[in-house]
Amino acid sequence: MSVAKSASLTLEEFLKLPETKPASIYIDGEIIQKPMPKTRHSRLQAKFAPNWTIEILSPDQSSNRVTSNILHCLKYGYQLGWLIDPDDRSVLVFKSHQQPEFCHREDRLPVLDGIDLELTGEQVFGWLKMNA
């Protein structure tokens, strides 16, 4: 992940910029280039509803920066955020105005209200297997 080193931009200025590959995001006046998504990211994202941000920590990413992305989403209306760490097979769950919750193995993962889904950490990591 790389951060563009430039003067602080407004959101309006950022929205006028051309699309980039990989995609860039705007947080607090900075343009941050997102890592190229892997197949497992796309497979997992396709299984969930809106207002739910899911970040899968890559080895080259800062956990603080990714956590900051989740907190930013919660600040602006998202209801749920997951930080998935493949190295220790854990999921850190964020909800608005609540302490984060650490889940792993057979812990039941919180999902959005109204979604009829019971899911454990092991099931999520099973989806992330590339040969599945």
Protein backbone atom coordinates (compact mmCIF):
# COMPACT_ATOMS: atom_id res chain seq x y z
CA MET A 1 0.00 0.00 0.00
CA SER A 2 1.37 3.43 -0.83
CA VAL A 3 0.38 6.88 0.30
CA ALA A 4 0.49 9.78 -2.13
CA LYS A 5 2.72 12.52 -0.73
CA SER A 6 1.04 15.77 -1.69
CA ALA A 7 -0.72 18.73 -0.21
CA SER A 8 -3.97 17.88 1.52
CA LEU A 9 -6.88 17.55 -0.91
CA THR A 10 -10.53 18.20 -0.38
CA LEU A 11 -13.01 15.42 -1.07
CA GLU A 12 -14.31 17.38 -4.06
CA GLU A 13 -10.80 17.59 -5.55
CA PHE A 14 -10.26 13.87 -5.00
CA LEU A 15 -13.54 12.97 -6.72
CA LYS A 16 -12.45 14.92 -9.83
CA LEU A 17 -9.26 12.87 -10.20
CA PRO A 18 -9.18 10.05 -12.77
CA GLU A 19 -9.68 6.45 -11.62
CA THR A 20 -6.49 4.59 -10.74
CA LYS A 21 -5.53 0.94 -10.79
CA PRO A 22 -5.30 -0.29 -8.16
CA ALA A 23 -8.05 1.86 -6.73
CA SER A 24 -7.28 4.72 -4.38
CA ILE A 25 -9.24 5.81 -1.33
CA TYR A 26 -9.51 9.22 0.30
CA ILE A 27 -9.09 9.54 4.06
CA ASP A 28 -8.53 12.81 5.91
CA GLY A 29 -7.05 14.65 2.94
CA GLU A 30 -4.75 11.81 1.89
CA ILE A 31 -4.96 9.57 -1.15
CA ILE A 32 -4.12 6.00 -0.28
CA GLN A 33 -3.61 3.39 -2.96
CA LYS A 34 -5.35 0.15 -2.04
CA PRO A 35 -3.50 -3.13 -2.58
CA MET A 36 -4.68 -5.15 -5.56
CA PRO A 37 -7.45 -7.45 -4.32
CA LYS A 38 -6.76 -11.16 -4.37
CA THR A 39 -9.29 -13.73 -5.48
CA ARG A 40 -10.17 -14.59 -1.89
CA HIS A 41 -11.10 -10.97 -1.15
CA SER A 42 -13.58 -10.94 -4.02
CA ARG A 43 -15.04 -14.31 -3.07
CA LEU A 44 -15.69 -13.19 0.49
CA GLN A 45 -17.03 -9.73 -0.38
CA ALA A 46 -19.61 -11.22 -2.72
CA LYS A 47 -21.21 -13.11 0.18
CA PHE A 48 -22.20 -10.05 2.29
CA ALA A 49 -24.72 -7.19 2.40
CA PRO A 50 -24.00 -3.38 2.32
CA ASN A 51 -23.07 -1.27 5.39
CA TRP A 52 -20.53 -3.93 6.28
CA THR A 53 -16.85 -3.34 5.68
CA ILE A 54 -14.49 -6.28 5.55
CA GLU A 55 -10.72 -5.89 5.47
CA ILE A 56 -8.38 -8.83 5.03
CA LEU A 57 -4.96 -7.98 6.40
CA SER A 58 -2.20 -8.56 3.87
CA PRO A 59 1.42 -9.08 4.95
CA ASP A 60 2.47 -5.72 3.48
CA GLN A 61 -0.31 -3.72 5.18
CA SER A 62 -0.21 -1.82 8.43
CA SER A 63 -2.82 -3.17 10.85
CA ASN A 64 -3.28 0.35 12.22
CA ARG A 65 -3.99 1.78 8.75
CA VAL A 66 -6.51 -0.98 8.00
CA THR A 67 -8.15 -0.50 11.40
CA SER A 68 -8.33 3.22 10.63
CA ASN A 69 -10.19 2.41 7.39
CA ILE A 70 -12.76 0.38 9.33
CA LEU A 71 -13.21 3.12 11.95
CA HIS A 72 -13.67 5.67 9.15
CA CYS A 73 -16.46 3.54 7.64
CA LEU A 74 -18.17 3.19 11.03
CA LYS A 75 -17.95 6.94 11.56
CA TYR A 76 -19.82 7.51 8.30
CA GLY A 77 -22.69 5.06 8.69
CA TYR A 78 -21.43 1.52 8.34
CA GLN A 79 -22.86 -0.75 11.00
CA LEU A 80 -20.25 -3.50 11.10
CA GLY A 81 -16.59 -4.00 10.32
CA TRP A 82 -14.41 -7.08 10.28
CA LEU A 83 -10.62 -7.11 10.30
CA ILE A 84 -9.61 -10.57 9.16
CA ASP A 85 -6.07 -11.67 10.01
CA PRO A 86 -5.11 -14.78 8.04
CA ASP A 87 -1.83 -15.21 9.96
CA ASP A 88 -3.52 -16.00 13.27
CA ARG A 89 -6.89 -16.96 11.77
CA SER A 90 -8.77 -14.38 13.80
CA VAL A 91 -11.43 -11.77 13.13
CA LEU A 92 -11.58 -8.50 15.02
CA VAL A 93 -15.20 -7.30 14.89
CA PHE A 94 -16.07 -3.61 15.09
CA LYS A 95 -19.55 -2.22 15.75
CA SER A 96 -20.54 1.41 16.13
CA HIS A 97 -20.14 2.74 19.68
CA GLN A 98 -18.90 -0.61 21.06
CA GLN A 99 -15.59 -2.15 22.03
CA PRO A 100 -14.04 -4.39 19.35
CA GLU A 101 -14.63 -8.12 19.79
CA PHE A 102 -11.94 -10.74 19.11
CA CYS A 103 -13.21 -13.92 17.45
CA HIS A 104 -11.45 -17.04 16.26
CA ARG A 105 -12.01 -20.72 15.50
CA GLU A 106 -15.56 -21.70 16.39
CA ASP A 107 -16.60 -18.32 17.81
CA ARG A 108 -19.81 -17.14 16.20
CA LEU A 109 -19.17 -13.97 14.21
CA PRO A 110 -21.60 -11.06 14.58
CA VAL A 111 -23.42 -10.15 11.36
CA LEU A 112 -25.76 -7.30 10.41
CA ASP A 113 -29.24 -7.28 11.94
CA GLY A 114 -31.77 -8.79 9.58
CA ILE A 115 -29.30 -11.15 7.90
CA ASP A 116 -30.11 -14.75 8.67
CA LEU A 117 -26.56 -16.09 8.83
CA GLU A 118 -24.66 -18.04 11.43
CA LEU A 119 -20.98 -18.00 10.72
CA THR A 120 -17.79 -18.95 12.54
CA GLY A 121 -14.22 -17.90 11.99
CA GLU A 122 -13.35 -21.36 10.69
CA GLN A 123 -16.05 -21.08 8.04
CA VAL A 124 -14.70 -17.71 6.88
CA PHE A 125 -11.16 -19.08 6.64
CA GLY A 126 -12.53 -22.09 4.75
CA TRP A 127 -13.91 -19.65 2.14
CA LEU A 128 -10.51 -18.01 1.87
CA LYS A 129 -8.74 -21.20 0.87
CA MET A 130 -7.65 -20.80 -2.71
CA ASN A 131 -8.22 -24.44 -3.67
CA ALA A 132 -11.82 -24.50 -2.42
